[in-house]
PDB file of N, CA and C in Angstrom:
ATOM      1  N   MET A   1       8.418  -7.312  -5.514  1.00  0.00           N
ATOM      2  CA  MET A   1       7.052  -7.762  -5.440  1.00  0.00           C
ATOM      3  C   MET A   1       6.142  -6.605  -5.808  1.00  0.00           C
ATOM      4  N   GLU A   2       4.997  -6.944  -6.326  1.00  0.00           N
ATOM      5  CA  GLU A   2       4.020  -5.929  -6.674  1.00  0.00           C
ATOM      6  C   GLU A   2       2.623  -6.523  -6.625  1.00  0.00           C
ATOM      7  N   THR A   3       1.619  -5.654  -6.607  1.00  0.00           N
ATOM      8  CA  THR A   3       0.241  -6.126  -6.604  1.00  0.00           C
ATOM      9  C   THR A   3      -0.102  -6.700  -7.976  1.00  0.00           C
ATOM     10  N   ASN A   4      -0.844  -7.802  -7.982  1.00  0.00           N
ATOM     11  CA  ASN A   4      -1.203  -8.457  -9.237  1.00  0.00           C
ATOM     12  C   ASN A   4      -2.601  -8.072  -9.722  1.00  0.00           C
ATOM     13  N   GLN A   5      -3.304  -7.269  -8.921  1.00  0.00           N
ATOM     14  CA  GLN A   5      -4.611  -6.736  -9.274  1.00  0.00           C
ATOM     15  C   GLN A   5      -4.908  -5.558  -8.351  1.00  0.00           C
ATOM     16  N   ASP A   6      -5.910  -4.772  -8.674  1.00  0.00           N
ATOM     17  CA  ASP A   6      -6.286  -3.677  -7.783  1.00  0.00           C
ATOM     18  C   ASP A   6      -6.716  -4.256  -6.442  1.00  0.00           C
ATOM     19  N   TYR A   7      -6.366  -3.556  -5.358  1.00  0.00           N
ATOM     20  CA  TYR A   7      -6.745  -3.981  -4.016  1.00  0.00           C
ATOM     21  C   TYR A   7      -7.461  -2.814  -3.335  1.00  0.00           C
ATOM     22  N   THR A   8      -8.719  -3.016  -2.978  1.00  0.00           N
ATOM     23  CA  THR A   8      -9.512  -1.988  -2.326  1.00  0.00           C
ATOM     24  C   THR A   8      -9.745  -2.380  -0.880  1.00  0.00           C
ATOM     25  N   THR A   9      -9.542  -1.409   0.023  1.00  0.00           N
ATOM     26  CA  THR A   9      -9.717  -1.646   1.444  1.00  0.00           C
ATOM     27  C   THR A   9     -10.109  -0.342   2.125  1.00  0.00           C
ATOM     28  N   ILE A  10     -10.589  -0.453   3.346  1.00  0.00           N
ATOM     29  CA  ILE A  10     -10.825   0.721   4.190  1.00  0.00           C
ATOM     30  C   ILE A  10      -9.502   0.984   4.903  1.00  0.00           C
ATOM     31  N   PHE A  11      -8.966   2.191   4.736  1.00  0.00           N
ATOM     32  CA  PHE A  11      -7.669   2.521   5.333  1.00  0.00           C
ATOM     33  C   PHE A  11      -7.817   3.684   6.298  1.00  0.00           C
ATOM     34  N   ARG A  12      -7.587   3.402   7.572  1.00  0.00           N
ATOM     35  CA  ARG A  12      -7.652   4.408   8.628  1.00  0.00           C
ATOM     36  C   ARG A  12      -8.906   5.255   8.487  1.00  0.00           C
ATOM     37  N   GLY A  13      -8.832   6.556   8.553  1.00  0.00           N
ATOM     38  CA  GLY A  13     -10.013   7.403   8.453  1.00  0.00           C
ATOM     39  C   GLY A  13     -10.307   7.890   7.053  1.00  0.00           C
ATOM     40  N   PHE A  14      -9.641   7.333   6.057  1.00  0.00           N
ATOM     41  CA  PHE A  14      -9.771   7.798   4.680  1.00  0.00           C
ATOM     42  C   PHE A  14     -10.929   7.170   3.923  1.00  0.00           C
ATOM     43  N   GLY A  15     -11.510   6.130   4.451  1.00  0.00           N
ATOM     44  CA  GLY A  15     -12.543   5.397   3.724  1.00  0.00           C
ATOM     45  C   GLY A  15     -11.896   4.398   2.780  1.00  0.00           C
ATOM     46  N   GLU A  16     -12.577   4.105   1.676  1.00  0.00           N
ATOM     47  CA  GLU A  16     -12.062   3.127   0.714  1.00  0.00           C
ATOM     48  C   GLU A  16     -10.886   3.701  -0.064  1.00  0.00           C
ATOM     49  N   ILE A  17      -9.818   2.952  -0.085  1.00  0.00           N
ATOM     50  CA  ILE A  17      -8.616   3.281  -0.849  1.00  0.00           C
ATOM     51  C   ILE A  17      -8.350   2.097  -1.782  1.00  0.00           C
ATOM     52  N   THR A  18      -8.070   2.392  -3.040  1.00  0.00           N
ATOM     53  CA  THR A  18      -7.737   1.338  -3.997  1.00  0.00           C
ATOM     54  C   THR A  18      -6.279   1.464  -4.397  1.00  0.00           C
ATOM     55  N   VAL A  19      -5.522   0.426  -4.083  1.00  0.00           N
ATOM     56  CA  VAL A  19      -4.115   0.336  -4.483  1.00  0.00           C
ATOM     57  C   VAL A  19      -4.112  -0.297  -5.875  1.00  0.00           C
ATOM     58  N   PRO A  20      -3.584   0.404  -6.870  1.00  0.00           N
ATOM     59  CA  PRO A  20      -3.659  -0.130  -8.239  1.00  0.00           C
ATOM     60  C   PRO A  20      -2.722  -1.318  -8.492  1.00  0.00           C
ATOM     61  N   LYS A  21      -3.115  -2.118  -9.463  1.00  0.00           N
ATOM     62  CA  LYS A  21      -2.286  -3.235  -9.914  1.00  0.00           C
ATOM     63  C   LYS A  21      -0.912  -2.704 -10.315  1.00  0.00           C
ATOM     64  N   GLY A  22       0.141  -3.437  -9.934  1.00  0.00           N
ATOM     65  CA  GLY A  22       1.504  -3.066 -10.292  1.00  0.00           C
ATOM     66  C   GLY A  22       2.212  -2.211  -9.256  1.00  0.00           C
ATOM     67  N   THR A  23       1.541  -1.904  -8.136  1.00  0.00           N
ATOM     68  CA  THR A  23       2.157  -1.113  -7.073  1.00  0.00           C
ATOM     69  C   THR A  23       3.159  -1.977  -6.313  1.00  0.00           C
ATOM     70  N   ARG A  24       4.349  -1.443  -6.097  1.00  0.00           N
ATOM     71  CA  ARG A  24       5.386  -2.198  -5.387  1.00  0.00           C
ATOM     72  C   ARG A  24       5.060  -2.313  -3.903  1.00  0.00           C
ATOM     73  N   VAL A  25       5.376  -3.492  -3.348  1.00  0.00           N
ATOM     74  CA  VAL A  25       5.210  -3.779  -1.921  1.00  0.00           C
ATOM     75  C   VAL A  25       6.498  -4.391  -1.390  1.00  0.00           C
ATOM     76  N   SER A  26       6.630  -4.396  -0.061  1.00  0.00           N
ATOM     77  CA  SER A  26       7.860  -4.877   0.565  1.00  0.00           C
ATOM     78  C   SER A  26       7.546  -5.624   1.859  1.00  0.00           C
ATOM     79  N   HIS A  27       8.467  -6.512   2.237  1.00  0.00           N
ATOM     80  CA  HIS A  27       8.380  -7.211   3.516  1.00  0.00           C
ATOM     81  C   HIS A  27       8.979  -6.378   4.653  1.00  0.00           C
ATOM     82  N   GLN A  28       9.506  -5.210   4.346  1.00  0.00           N
ATOM     83  CA  GLN A  28      10.181  -4.387   5.352  1.00  0.00           C
ATOM     84  C   GLN A  28       9.180  -3.852   6.381  1.00  0.00           C
ATOM     85  N   THR A  29       9.470  -4.098   7.655  1.00  0.00           N
ATOM     86  CA  THR A  29       8.681  -3.564   8.766  1.00  0.00           C
ATOM     87  C   THR A  29       9.613  -2.737   9.650  1.00  0.00           C
ATOM     88  N   ALA A  30       9.063  -2.110  10.662  1.00  0.00           N
ATOM     89  CA  ALA A  30       9.879  -1.328  11.589  1.00  0.00           C
ATOM     90  C   ALA A  30      10.871  -2.216  12.337  1.00  0.00           C
ATOM     91  N   MET A  31      10.582  -3.488  12.451  1.00  0.00           N
ATOM     92  CA  MET A  31      11.436  -4.422  13.186  1.00  0.00           C
ATOM     93  C   MET A  31      12.330  -5.256  12.267  1.00  0.00           C
ATOM     94  N   GLY A  32      12.302  -4.978  10.972  1.00  0.00           N
ATOM     95  CA  GLY A  32      13.108  -5.739  10.016  1.00  0.00           C
ATOM     96  C   GLY A  32      12.223  -6.413   8.979  1.00  0.00           C
ATOM     97  N   ILE A  33      12.755  -7.442   8.352  1.00  0.00           N
ATOM     98  CA  ILE A  33      12.023  -8.166   7.301  1.00  0.00           C
ATOM     99  C   ILE A  33      11.083  -9.179   7.941  1.00  0.00           C
ATOM    100  N   ASP A  34       9.821  -9.153   7.518  1.00  0.00           N
ATOM    101  CA  ASP A  34       8.833 -10.129   7.960  1.00  0.00           C
ATOM    102  C   ASP A  34       8.012 -10.531   6.739  1.00  0.00           C
ATOM    103  N   LYS A  35       8.178 -11.771   6.297  1.00  0.00           N
ATOM    104  CA  LYS A  35       7.548 -12.229   5.058  1.00  0.00           C
ATOM    105  C   LYS A  35       6.038 -12.397   5.178  1.00  0.00           C
ATOM    106  N   ASN A  36       5.471 -12.143   6.353  1.00  0.00           N
ATOM    107  CA  ASN A  36       4.025 -12.176   6.523  1.00  0.00           C
ATOM    108  C   ASN A  36       3.369 -10.850   6.143  1.00  0.00           C
ATOM    109  N   TYR A  37       4.168  -9.834   5.879  1.00  0.00           N
ATOM    110  CA  TYR A  37       3.649  -8.511   5.547  1.00  0.00           C
ATOM    111  C   TYR A  37       4.042  -8.104   4.141  1.00  0.00           C
ATOM    112  N   HIS A  38       3.169  -7.352   3.498  1.00  0.00           N
ATOM    113  CA  HIS A  38       3.389  -6.858   2.136  1.00  0.00           C
ATOM    114  C   HIS A  38       2.956  -5.396   2.128  1.00  0.00           C
ATOM    115  N   PHE A  39       3.811  -4.533   2.665  1.00  0.00           N
ATOM    116  CA  PHE A  39       3.476  -3.124   2.802  1.00  0.00           C
ATOM    117  C   PHE A  39       3.691  -2.367   1.501  1.00  0.00           C
ATOM    118  N   VAL A  40       2.747  -1.465   1.193  1.00  0.00           N
ATOM    119  CA  VAL A  40       2.853  -0.603   0.021  1.00  0.00           C
ATOM    120  C   VAL A  40       4.079   0.292   0.178  1.00  0.00           C
ATOM    121  N   THR A  41       4.964   0.300  -0.822  1.00  0.00           N
ATOM    122  CA  THR A  41       6.158   1.154  -0.765  1.00  0.00           C
ATOM    123  C   THR A  41       6.173   2.198  -1.878  1.00  0.00           C
ATOM    124  N   GLU A  42       5.384   1.997  -2.892  1.00  0.00           N
ATOM    125  CA  GLU A  42       5.308   2.944  -4.002  1.00  0.00           C
ATOM    126  C   GLU A  42       4.046   3.782  -3.819  1.00  0.00           C
ATOM    127  N   VAL A  43       4.196   5.101  -3.786  1.00  0.00           N
ATOM    128  CA  VAL A  43       3.044   5.952  -3.477  1.00  0.00           C
ATOM    129  C   VAL A  43       2.736   6.998  -4.551  1.00  0.00           C
ATOM    130  N   GLY A  44       3.411   6.968  -5.673  1.00  0.00           N
ATOM    131  CA  GLY A  44       3.193   7.946  -6.727  1.00  0.00           C
ATOM    132  C   GLY A  44       1.757   7.984  -7.237  1.00  0.00           C
ATOM    133  N   TRP A  45       1.072   6.878  -7.240  1.00  0.00           N
ATOM    134  CA  TRP A  45      -0.306   6.776  -7.700  1.00  0.00           C
ATOM    135  C   TRP A  45      -1.268   7.598  -6.846  1.00  0.00           C
ATOM    136  N   VAL A  46      -0.893   7.891  -5.611  1.00  0.00           N
ATOM    137  CA  VAL A  46      -1.780   8.611  -4.691  1.00  0.00           C
ATOM    138  C   VAL A  46      -2.081  10.020  -5.212  1.00  0.00           C
ATOM    139  N   TYR A  47      -1.088  10.686  -5.802  1.00  0.00           N
ATOM    140  CA  TYR A  47      -1.287  12.058  -6.287  1.00  0.00           C
ATOM    141  C   TYR A  47      -2.399  12.169  -7.319  1.00  0.00           C
ATOM    142  N   SER A  48      -2.498  11.203  -8.207  1.00  0.00           N
ATOM    143  CA  SER A  48      -3.540  11.284  -9.232  1.00  0.00           C
ATOM    144  C   SER A  48      -4.857  10.679  -8.759  1.00  0.00           C
ATOM    145  N   ALA A  49      -4.810   9.652  -7.934  1.00  0.00           N
ATOM    146  CA  ALA A  49      -6.033   8.989  -7.486  1.00  0.00           C
ATOM    147  C   ALA A  49      -6.741   9.733  -6.357  1.00  0.00           C
ATOM    148  N   TYR A  50      -5.953  10.382  -5.479  1.00  0.00           N
ATOM    149  CA  TYR A  50      -6.514  11.044  -4.301  1.00  0.00           C
ATOM    150  C   TYR A  50      -5.857  12.410  -4.090  1.00  0.00           C
ATOM    151  N   PRO A  51      -5.982  13.329  -5.057  1.00  0.00           N
ATOM    152  CA  PRO A  51      -5.243  14.590  -4.993  1.00  0.00           C
ATOM    153  C   PRO A  51      -5.563  15.469  -3.783  1.00  0.00           C
ATOM    154  N   LYS A  52      -6.792  15.446  -3.303  1.00  0.00           N
ATOM    155  CA  LYS A  52      -7.169  16.313  -2.181  1.00  0.00           C
ATOM    156  C   LYS A  52      -6.587  15.858  -0.851  1.00  0.00           C
ATOM    157  N   ILE A  53      -6.285  14.579  -0.730  1.00  0.00           N
ATOM    158  CA  ILE A  53      -5.751  14.047   0.531  1.00  0.00           C
ATOM    159  C   ILE A  53      -4.378  13.416   0.353  1.00  0.00           C
ATOM    160  N   ALA A  54      -3.737  13.688  -0.777  1.00  0.00           N
ATOM    161  CA  ALA A  54      -2.491  12.997  -1.139  1.00  0.00           C
ATOM    162  C   ALA A  54      -1.416  13.112  -0.058  1.00  0.00           C
ATOM    163  N   ARG A  55      -1.155  14.305   0.439  1.00  0.00           N
ATOM    164  CA  ARG A  55      -0.044  14.483   1.385  1.00  0.00           C
ATOM    165  C   ARG A  55      -0.250  13.695   2.676  1.00  0.00           C
ATOM    166  N   ILE A  56      -1.435  13.788   3.264  1.00  0.00           N
ATOM    167  CA  ILE A  56      -1.686  13.074   4.523  1.00  0.00           C
ATOM    168  C   ILE A  56      -1.807  11.565   4.284  1.00  0.00           C
ATOM    169  N   LEU A  57      -2.365  11.173   3.147  1.00  0.00           N
ATOM    170  CA  LEU A  57      -2.461   9.751   2.831  1.00  0.00           C
ATOM    171  C   LEU A  57      -1.077   9.147   2.647  1.00  0.00           C
ATOM    172  N   ILE A  58      -0.204   9.835   1.935  1.00  0.00           N
ATOM    173  CA  ILE A  58       1.169   9.352   1.763  1.00  0.00           C
ATOM    174  C   ILE A  58       1.881   9.271   3.110  1.00  0.00           C
ATOM    175  N   HIS A  59       1.648  10.237   3.974  1.00  0.00           N
ATOM    176  CA  HIS A  59       2.233  10.190   5.322  1.00  0.00           C
ATOM    177  C   HIS A  59       1.803   8.915   6.036  1.00  0.00           C
ATOM    178  N   ASP A  60       0.512   8.636   6.042  1.00  0.00           N
ATOM    179  CA  ASP A  60       0.014   7.463   6.749  1.00  0.00           C
ATOM    180  C   ASP A  60       0.448   6.159   6.095  1.00  0.00           C
ATOM    181  N   LEU A  61       0.514   6.125   4.764  1.00  0.00           N
ATOM    182  CA  LEU A  61       1.028   4.932   4.093  1.00  0.00           C
ATOM    183  C   LEU A  61       2.478   4.677   4.482  1.00  0.00           C
ATOM    184  N   THR A  62       3.237   5.749   4.632  1.00  0.00           N
ATOM    185  CA  THR A  62       4.656   5.637   4.963  1.00  0.00           C
ATOM    186  C   THR A  62       4.870   5.246   6.421  1.00  0.00           C
ATOM    187  N   TYR A  63       4.158   5.884   7.332  1.00  0.00           N
ATOM    188  CA  TYR A  63       4.438   5.701   8.753  1.00  0.00           C
ATOM    189  C   TYR A  63       3.567   4.665   9.454  1.00  0.00           C
ATOM    190  N   TYR A  64       2.367   4.378   8.924  1.00  0.00           N
ATOM    191  CA  TYR A  64       1.514   3.351   9.512  1.00  0.00           C
ATOM    192  C   TYR A  64       1.504   2.087   8.671  1.00  0.00           C
ATOM    193  N   GLY A  65       1.653   2.250   7.375  1.00  0.00           N
ATOM    194  CA  GLY A  65       1.709   1.106   6.465  1.00  0.00           C
ATOM    195  C   GLY A  65       0.339   0.583   6.076  1.00  0.00           C
ATOM    196  N   LEU A  66       0.272   0.111   4.855  1.00  0.00           N
ATOM    197  CA  LEU A  66      -0.918  -0.568   4.349  1.00  0.00           C
ATOM    198  C   LEU A  66      -0.472  -1.954   3.905  1.00  0.00           C
ATOM    199  N   ASN A  67      -0.940  -2.958   4.623  1.00  0.00           N
ATOM    200  CA  ASN A  67      -0.566  -4.339   4.357  1.00  0.00           C
ATOM    201  C   ASN A  67      -1.523  -4.930   3.323  1.00  0.00           C
ATOM    202  N   VAL A  68      -0.977  -5.375   2.205  1.00  0.00           N
ATOM    203  CA  VAL A  68      -1.759  -5.990   1.138  1.00  0.00           C
ATOM    204  C   VAL A  68      -1.760  -7.506   1.345  1.00  0.00           C
ATOM    205  N   PRO A  69      -2.912  -8.165   1.341  1.00  0.00           N
ATOM    206  CA  PRO A  69      -2.950  -9.621   1.500  1.00  0.00           C
ATOM    207  C   PRO A  69      -2.150 -10.319   0.401  1.00  0.00           C
ATOM    208  N   LYS A  70      -1.553 -11.460   0.748  1.00  0.00           N
ATOM    209  CA  LYS A  70      -0.676 -12.151  -0.182  1.00  0.00           C
ATOM    210  C   LYS A  70      -1.373 -12.593  -1.454  1.00  0.00           C
ATOM    211  N   GLU A  71      -2.703 -12.763  -1.433  1.00  0.00           N
ATOM    212  CA  GLU A  71      -3.437 -13.146  -2.631  1.00  0.00           C
ATOM    213  C   GLU A  71      -3.361 -12.075  -3.710  1.00  0.00           C
ATOM    214  N   PHE A  72      -3.060 -10.841  -3.312  1.00  0.00           N
ATOM    215  CA  PHE A  72      -2.988  -9.711  -4.247  1.00  0.00           C
ATOM    216  C   PHE A  72      -1.553  -9.366  -4.630  1.00  0.00           C
ATOM    217  N   VAL A  73      -0.592 -10.232  -4.258  1.00  0.00           N
ATOM    218  CA  VAL A  73       0.822  -9.930  -4.473  1.00  0.00           C
ATOM    219  C   VAL A  73       1.454 -10.994  -5.372  1.00  0.00           C
ATOM    220  N   THR A  74       2.276 -10.550  -6.313  1.00  0.00           N
ATOM    221  CA  THR A  74       3.010 -11.439  -7.187  1.00  0.00           C
ATOM    222  C   THR A  74       4.501 -11.262  -6.918  1.00  0.00           C
ATOM    223  N   GLY A  75       5.275 -12.283  -7.176  1.00  0.00           N
ATOM    224  CA  GLY A  75       6.724 -12.212  -6.989  1.00  0.00           C
ATOM    225  C   GLY A  75       7.167 -12.618  -5.593  1.00  0.00           C
ATOM    226  N   LEU A  76       6.343 -13.388  -4.896  1.00  0.00           N
ATOM    227  CA  LEU A  76       6.712 -13.820  -3.536  1.00  0.00           C
ATOM    228  C   LEU A  76       7.805 -14.864  -3.560  1.00  0.00           C
TER     229      LEU A  76
END
Protein backbone atom coordinates (compact mmCIF):
# COMPACT_ATOMS: atom_id res chain seq x y z
CA MET A 1 0.00 0.00 0.00
CA GLU A 2 1.09 3.54 -0.56
CA THR A 3 -0.24 7.09 -0.41
CA ASN A 4 -2.15 8.13 -3.52
CA GLN A 5 -1.57 11.86 -2.95
CA ASP A 6 0.37 14.13 -0.61
CA TYR A 7 -1.00 14.04 2.94
CA THR A 8 -0.42 17.03 5.22
CA THR A 9 -1.11 16.88 8.94
CA ILE A 10 0.05 18.27 12.27
CA PHE A 11 2.36 15.62 13.74
CA ARG A 12 3.27 15.74 17.43
CA GLY A 13 5.37 18.84 18.17
CA PHE A 14 6.75 19.17 14.65
CA GLY A 15 3.96 21.26 13.18
CA GLU A 16 2.77 20.52 9.64
CA ILE A 17 4.33 17.46 8.05
CA THR A 18 3.60 16.46 4.46
CA VAL A 19 3.88 12.78 3.58
CA PRO A 20 4.53 12.66 -0.18
CA LYS A 21 2.50 10.69 -2.69
CA GLY A 22 3.89 7.16 -3.16
CA THR A 23 5.07 6.70 0.45
CA ARG A 24 4.61 3.13 1.65
CA VAL A 25 2.23 2.45 4.55
CA SER A 26 1.39 -0.68 6.53
CA HIS A 27 -1.35 -2.17 8.70
CA GLN A 28 1.33 -3.32 11.18
CA THR A 29 0.78 -2.06 14.74
CA ALA A 30 2.48 -2.91 18.02
CA MET A 31 -0.30 -5.44 18.64
CA GLY A 32 -0.22 -7.03 15.17
CA ILE A 33 -2.09 -6.35 11.94
CA ASP A 34 -5.02 -3.93 12.15
CA LYS A 35 -6.61 -2.95 8.84
CA ASN A 36 -7.98 0.26 10.39
CA TYR A 37 -4.47 1.75 10.48
CA HIS A 38 -2.17 2.85 7.67
CA PHE A 39 1.13 3.73 9.33
CA VAL A 40 3.96 5.35 7.38
CA THR A 41 6.76 2.77 6.98
CA GLU A 42 8.97 4.46 4.39
CA VAL A 43 10.93 7.39 5.81
CA GLY A 44 13.63 8.19 3.23
CA TRP A 45 11.75 11.31 2.11
CA VAL A 46 12.25 12.87 5.56
CA TYR A 47 15.97 13.55 4.96
CA SER A 48 15.32 15.83 2.00
CA ALA A 49 12.03 17.36 3.15
CA TYR A 50 12.97 18.02 6.79
CA PRO A 51 16.79 17.87 7.05
CA LYS A 52 17.10 19.85 10.30
CA ILE A 53 14.75 17.55 12.23
CA ALA A 54 15.18 14.35 10.21
CA ARG A 55 16.64 12.13 12.95
CA ILE A 56 14.06 12.94 15.64
CA LEU A 57 11.20 12.95 13.13
CA ILE A 58 12.19 9.51 11.85
CA HIS A 59 12.38 8.31 15.46
CA ASP A 60 8.85 9.50 16.17
CA LEU A 61 7.49 8.14 12.88
CA THR A 62 9.00 4.78 13.77
CA TYR A 63 8.04 4.56 17.44
CA TYR A 64 4.81 6.60 17.63
CA GLY A 65 3.57 6.15 14.08
CA LEU A 66 1.78 8.44 11.69
CA ASN A 67 -1.59 7.06 10.65
CA VAL A 68 -2.66 8.12 7.15
CA PRO A 69 -6.44 8.21 6.54
CA LYS A 70 -7.67 5.53 4.14
CA GLU A 71 -8.80 8.18 1.62
CA PHE A 72 -5.09 8.89 1.00
CA VAL A 73 -4.10 5.23 0.57
CA THR A 74 -4.15 3.04 -2.53
CA GLY A 75 -3.81 -0.74 -2.70
CA LEU A 76 -6.16 -1.58 0.18
